[in-house]
Amino acid sequence: MRCRALEGAEACLCMFFQAWRLELRITCIWKRIYQATGMVSSWLATFQIKVLV
């Protein structure tokens, strides 16, 4: 979507929705990173337990 072609309020709405979609994408990426680090830390924990036992 090209916001510059739109006028006034429509352009504002367009910009808002683009920013909102970008924020959603960033949130999704952060969730994936968080899940990945959680998996790695749990894997490390089980690995440490195996080493200790």
PDB file of N, CA and C in Angstrom:
ATOM      1  N   MET A   1       0.838  -1.211   0.000  1.00  0.00           N
ATOM      2  CA  MET A   1       0.000   0.000   0.000  1.00  0.00           C
ATOM      3  C   MET A   1       0.869   1.255   0.000  1.00  0.00           C
ATOM      4  N   ARG A   2       0.503   2.184  -0.859  1.00  0.00           N
ATOM      5  CA  ARG A   2       1.237   3.445  -0.942  1.00  0.00           C
ATOM      6  C   ARG A   2       0.445   4.536  -0.251  1.00  0.00           C
ATOM      7  N   CYS A   3       0.933   5.006   0.886  1.00  0.00           N
ATOM      8  CA  CYS A   3       0.193   5.993   1.671  1.00  0.00           C
ATOM      9  C   CYS A   3       0.281   7.390   1.071  1.00  0.00           C
ATOM     10  N   ARG A   4       1.381   7.682   0.378  1.00  0.00           N
ATOM     11  CA  ARG A   4       1.596   9.036  -0.136  1.00  0.00           C
ATOM     12  C   ARG A   4       0.554   9.426  -1.189  1.00  0.00           C
ATOM     13  N   ALA A   5       0.002   8.425  -1.868  1.00  0.00           N
ATOM     14  CA  ALA A   5      -1.001   8.704  -2.899  1.00  0.00           C
ATOM     15  C   ALA A   5      -2.328   9.138  -2.283  1.00  0.00           C
ATOM     16  N   LEU A   6      -2.537   8.775  -1.034  1.00  0.00           N
ATOM     17  CA  LEU A   6      -3.790   9.117  -0.358  1.00  0.00           C
ATOM     18  C   LEU A   6      -3.715  10.511   0.241  1.00  0.00           C
ATOM     19  N   GLU A   7      -4.881  11.049   0.576  1.00  0.00           N
ATOM     20  CA  GLU A   7      -4.952  12.419   1.105  1.00  0.00           C
ATOM     21  C   GLU A   7      -5.482  12.427   2.534  1.00  0.00           C
ATOM     22  N   GLY A   8      -4.997  13.368   3.325  1.00  0.00           N
ATOM     23  CA  GLY A   8      -5.561  13.663   4.647  1.00  0.00           C
ATOM     24  C   GLY A   8      -5.723  12.472   5.568  1.00  0.00           C
ATOM     25  N   ALA A   9      -6.969  12.308   6.024  1.00  0.00           N
ATOM     26  CA  ALA A   9      -7.275  11.283   7.025  1.00  0.00           C
ATOM     27  C   ALA A   9      -6.986   9.879   6.506  1.00  0.00           C
ATOM     28  N   GLU A  10      -7.238   9.652   5.218  1.00  0.00           N
ATOM     29  CA  GLU A  10      -6.973   8.328   4.647  1.00  0.00           C
ATOM     30  C   GLU A  10      -5.490   8.001   4.727  1.00  0.00           C
ATOM     31  N   ALA A  11      -4.644   8.993   4.432  1.00  0.00           N
ATOM     32  CA  ALA A  11      -3.201   8.788   4.522  1.00  0.00           C
ATOM     33  C   ALA A  11      -2.796   8.487   5.965  1.00  0.00           C
ATOM     34  N   CYS A  12      -3.402   9.215   6.914  1.00  0.00           N
ATOM     35  CA  CYS A  12      -3.114   8.971   8.331  1.00  0.00           C
ATOM     36  C   CYS A  12      -3.487   7.547   8.729  1.00  0.00           C
ATOM     37  N   LEU A  13      -4.668   7.112   8.301  1.00  0.00           N
ATOM     38  CA  LEU A  13      -5.118   5.757   8.608  1.00  0.00           C
ATOM     39  C   LEU A  13      -4.189   4.722   7.991  1.00  0.00           C
ATOM     40  N   CYS A  14      -3.803   4.979   6.759  1.00  0.00           N
ATOM     41  CA  CYS A  14      -2.908   4.065   6.056  1.00  0.00           C
ATOM     42  C   CYS A  14      -1.583   3.934   6.800  1.00  0.00           C
ATOM     43  N   MET A  15      -1.012   5.070   7.198  1.00  0.00           N
ATOM     44  CA  MET A  15       0.251   5.070   7.940  1.00  0.00           C
ATOM     45  C   MET A  15       0.089   4.318   9.254  1.00  0.00           C
ATOM     46  N   PHE A  16      -1.034   4.575   9.941  1.00  0.00           N
ATOM     47  CA  PHE A  16      -1.295   3.922  11.222  1.00  0.00           C
ATOM     48  C   PHE A  16      -1.341   2.409  11.060  1.00  0.00           C
ATOM     49  N   PHE A  17      -2.070   1.949  10.025  1.00  0.00           N
ATOM     50  CA  PHE A  17      -2.192   0.506   9.830  1.00  0.00           C
ATOM     51  C   PHE A  17      -0.857  -0.124   9.448  1.00  0.00           C
ATOM     52  N   GLN A  18      -0.052   0.588   8.662  1.00  0.00           N
ATOM     53  CA  GLN A  18       1.270   0.056   8.319  1.00  0.00           C
ATOM     54  C   GLN A  18       2.132  -0.062   9.564  1.00  0.00           C
ATOM     55  N   ALA A  19       2.122   0.967  10.416  1.00  0.00           N
ATOM     56  CA  ALA A  19       2.900   0.939  11.652  1.00  0.00           C
ATOM     57  C   ALA A  19       2.410  -0.188  12.557  1.00  0.00           C
ATOM     58  N   TRP A  20       1.093  -0.361  12.614  1.00  0.00           N
ATOM     59  CA  TRP A  20       0.488  -1.381  13.465  1.00  0.00           C
ATOM     60  C   TRP A  20       0.890  -2.779  12.998  1.00  0.00           C
ATOM     61  N   ARG A  21       0.868  -2.974  11.673  1.00  0.00           N
ATOM     62  CA  ARG A  21       1.272  -4.274  11.125  1.00  0.00           C
ATOM     63  C   ARG A  21       2.739  -4.542  11.410  1.00  0.00           C
ATOM     64  N   LEU A  22       3.563  -3.504  11.293  1.00  0.00           N
ATOM     65  CA  LEU A  22       4.988  -3.652  11.587  1.00  0.00           C
ATOM     66  C   LEU A  22       5.183  -4.032  13.047  1.00  0.00           C
ATOM     67  N   GLU A  23       4.420  -3.379  13.931  1.00  0.00           N
ATOM     68  CA  GLU A  23       4.527  -3.678  15.360  1.00  0.00           C
ATOM     69  C   GLU A  23       4.120  -5.117  15.644  1.00  0.00           C
ATOM     70  N   LEU A  24       3.058  -5.572  14.974  1.00  0.00           N
ATOM     71  CA  LEU A  24       2.624  -6.960  15.129  1.00  0.00           C
ATOM     72  C   LEU A  24       3.733  -7.910  14.691  1.00  0.00           C
ATOM     73  N   ARG A  25       4.371  -7.580  13.577  1.00  0.00           N
ATOM     74  CA  ARG A  25       5.445  -8.421  13.058  1.00  0.00           C
ATOM     75  C   ARG A  25       6.597  -8.479  14.058  1.00  0.00           C
ATOM     76  N   ILE A  26       6.958  -7.312  14.617  1.00  0.00           N
ATOM     77  CA  ILE A  26       8.040  -7.245  15.604  1.00  0.00           C
ATOM     78  C   ILE A  26       7.682  -8.070  16.836  1.00  0.00           C
ATOM     79  N   THR A  27       6.425  -7.950  17.288  1.00  0.00           N
ATOM     80  CA  THR A  27       5.978  -8.721  18.452  1.00  0.00           C
ATOM     81  C   THR A  27       6.087 -10.211  18.169  1.00  0.00           C
ATOM     82  N   CYS A  28       5.695 -10.604  16.964  1.00  0.00           N
ATOM     83  CA  CYS A  28       5.754 -12.005  16.564  1.00  0.00           C
ATOM     84  C   CYS A  28       7.199 -12.500  16.570  1.00  0.00           C
ATOM     85  N   ILE A  29       8.113 -11.690  16.027  1.00  0.00           N
ATOM     86  CA  ILE A  29       9.533 -12.037  16.006  1.00  0.00           C
ATOM     87  C   ILE A  29      10.058 -12.190  17.430  1.00  0.00           C
ATOM     88  N   TRP A  30       9.693 -11.235  18.305  1.00  0.00           N
ATOM     89  CA  TRP A  30      10.139 -11.305  19.701  1.00  0.00           C
ATOM     90  C   TRP A  30       9.619 -12.558  20.385  1.00  0.00           C
ATOM     91  N   LYS A  31       8.364 -12.931  20.092  1.00  0.00           N
ATOM     92  CA  LYS A  31       7.809 -14.149  20.681  1.00  0.00           C
ATOM     93  C   LYS A  31       8.599 -15.364  20.224  1.00  0.00           C
ATOM     94  N   ARG A  32       8.953 -15.385  18.950  1.00  0.00           N
ATOM     95  CA  ARG A  32       9.734 -16.513  18.420  1.00  0.00           C
ATOM     96  C   ARG A  32      11.095 -16.585  19.087  1.00  0.00           C
ATOM     97  N   ILE A  33      11.743 -15.423  19.228  1.00  0.00           N
ATOM     98  CA  ILE A  33      13.054 -15.375  19.889  1.00  0.00           C
ATOM     99  C   ILE A  33      12.925 -15.871  21.326  1.00  0.00           C
ATOM    100  N   TYR A  34      11.873 -15.413  22.007  1.00  0.00           N
ATOM    101  CA  TYR A  34      11.642 -15.808  23.401  1.00  0.00           C
ATOM    102  C   TYR A  34      11.432 -17.314  23.503  1.00  0.00           C
ATOM    103  N   GLN A  35      10.633 -17.872  22.584  1.00  0.00           N
ATOM    104  CA  GLN A  35      10.390 -19.314  22.577  1.00  0.00           C
ATOM    105  C   GLN A  35      11.691 -20.069  22.321  1.00  0.00           C
ATOM    106  N   ALA A  36      12.491 -19.564  21.389  1.00  0.00           N
ATOM    107  CA  ALA A  36      13.755 -20.216  21.054  1.00  0.00           C
ATOM    108  C   ALA A  36      14.698 -20.209  22.253  1.00  0.00           C
ATOM    109  N   THR A  37      14.805 -19.065  22.943  1.00  0.00           N
ATOM    110  CA  THR A  37      15.690 -18.995  24.108  1.00  0.00           C
ATOM    111  C   THR A  37      15.167 -19.895  25.220  1.00  0.00           C
ATOM    112  N   GLY A  38      13.849 -19.983  25.346  1.00  0.00           N
ATOM    113  CA  GLY A  38      13.261 -20.881  26.336  1.00  0.00           C
ATOM    114  C   GLY A  38      13.615 -22.329  26.048  1.00  0.00           C
ATOM    115  N   MET A  39      13.546 -22.721  24.774  1.00  0.00           N
ATOM    116  CA  MET A  39      13.896 -24.076  24.376  1.00  0.00           C
ATOM    117  C   MET A  39      15.363 -24.346  24.645  1.00  0.00           C
ATOM    118  N   VAL A  40      16.221 -23.386  24.309  1.00  0.00           N
ATOM    119  CA  VAL A  40      17.662 -23.545  24.510  1.00  0.00           C
ATOM    120  C   VAL A  40      17.981 -23.663  25.995  1.00  0.00           C
ATOM    121  N   SER A  41      17.360 -22.798  26.815  1.00  0.00           N
ATOM    122  CA  SER A  41      17.652 -22.835  28.248  1.00  0.00           C
ATOM    123  C   SER A  41      17.164 -24.138  28.881  1.00  0.00           C
ATOM    124  N   SER A  42      16.009 -24.644  28.440  1.00  0.00           N
ATOM    125  CA  SER A  42      15.515 -25.913  28.984  1.00  0.00           C
ATOM    126  C   SER A  42      16.411 -27.063  28.521  1.00  0.00           C
ATOM    127  N   TRP A  43      16.898 -26.985  27.276  1.00  0.00           N
ATOM    128  CA  TRP A  43      17.818 -27.996  26.762  1.00  0.00           C
ATOM    129  C   TRP A  43      19.118 -27.976  27.554  1.00  0.00           C
ATOM    130  N   LEU A  44      19.617 -26.763  27.845  1.00  0.00           N
ATOM    131  CA  LEU A  44      20.831 -26.629  28.649  1.00  0.00           C
ATOM    132  C   LEU A  44      20.616 -27.176  30.052  1.00  0.00           C
ATOM    133  N   ALA A  45      19.436 -26.921  30.618  1.00  0.00           N
ATOM    134  CA  ALA A  45      19.134 -27.417  31.958  1.00  0.00           C
ATOM    135  C   ALA A  45      19.163 -28.943  31.982  1.00  0.00           C
ATOM    136  N   THR A  46      18.540 -29.593  31.005  1.00  0.00           N
ATOM    137  CA  THR A  46      18.541 -31.056  30.960  1.00  0.00           C
ATOM    138  C   THR A  46      19.955 -31.568  30.712  1.00  0.00           C
ATOM    139  N   PHE A  47      20.715 -30.851  29.895  1.00  0.00           N
ATOM    140  CA  PHE A  47      22.098 -31.231  29.618  1.00  0.00           C
ATOM    141  C   PHE A  47      22.928 -31.163  30.900  1.00  0.00           C
ATOM    142  N   GLN A  48      22.751 -30.095  31.683  1.00  0.00           N
ATOM    143  CA  GLN A  48      23.479 -29.942  32.944  1.00  0.00           C
ATOM    144  C   GLN A  48      23.106 -31.051  33.921  1.00  0.00           C
ATOM    145  N   ILE A  49      21.814 -31.388  33.960  1.00  0.00           N
ATOM    146  CA  ILE A  49      21.362 -32.465  34.847  1.00  0.00           C
ATOM    147  C   ILE A  49      22.035 -33.782  34.446  1.00  0.00           C
ATOM    148  N   LYS A  50      22.103 -34.044  33.142  1.00  0.00           N
ATOM    149  CA  LYS A  50      22.738 -35.270  32.654  1.00  0.00           C
ATOM    150  C   LYS A  50      24.216 -35.292  33.019  1.00  0.00           C
ATOM    151  N   VAL A  51      24.871 -34.138  32.921  1.00  0.00           N
ATOM    152  CA  VAL A  51      26.297 -34.049  33.250  1.00  0.00           C
ATOM    153  C   VAL A  51      26.502 -34.265  34.751  1.00  0.00           C
ATOM    154  N   LEU A  52      25.624 -33.675  35.559  1.00  0.00           N
ATOM    155  CA  LEU A  52      25.758 -33.780  37.013  1.00  0.00           C
ATOM    156  C   LEU A  52      25.489 -35.195  37.512  1.00  0.00           C
ATOM    157  N   VAL A  53      24.537 -35.884  36.876  1.00  0.00           N
ATOM    158  CA  VAL A  53      24.151 -37.220  37.353  1.00  0.00           C
ATOM    159  C   VAL A  53      25.152 -38.290  36.948  1.00  0.00           C
TER     160      VAL A  53
END
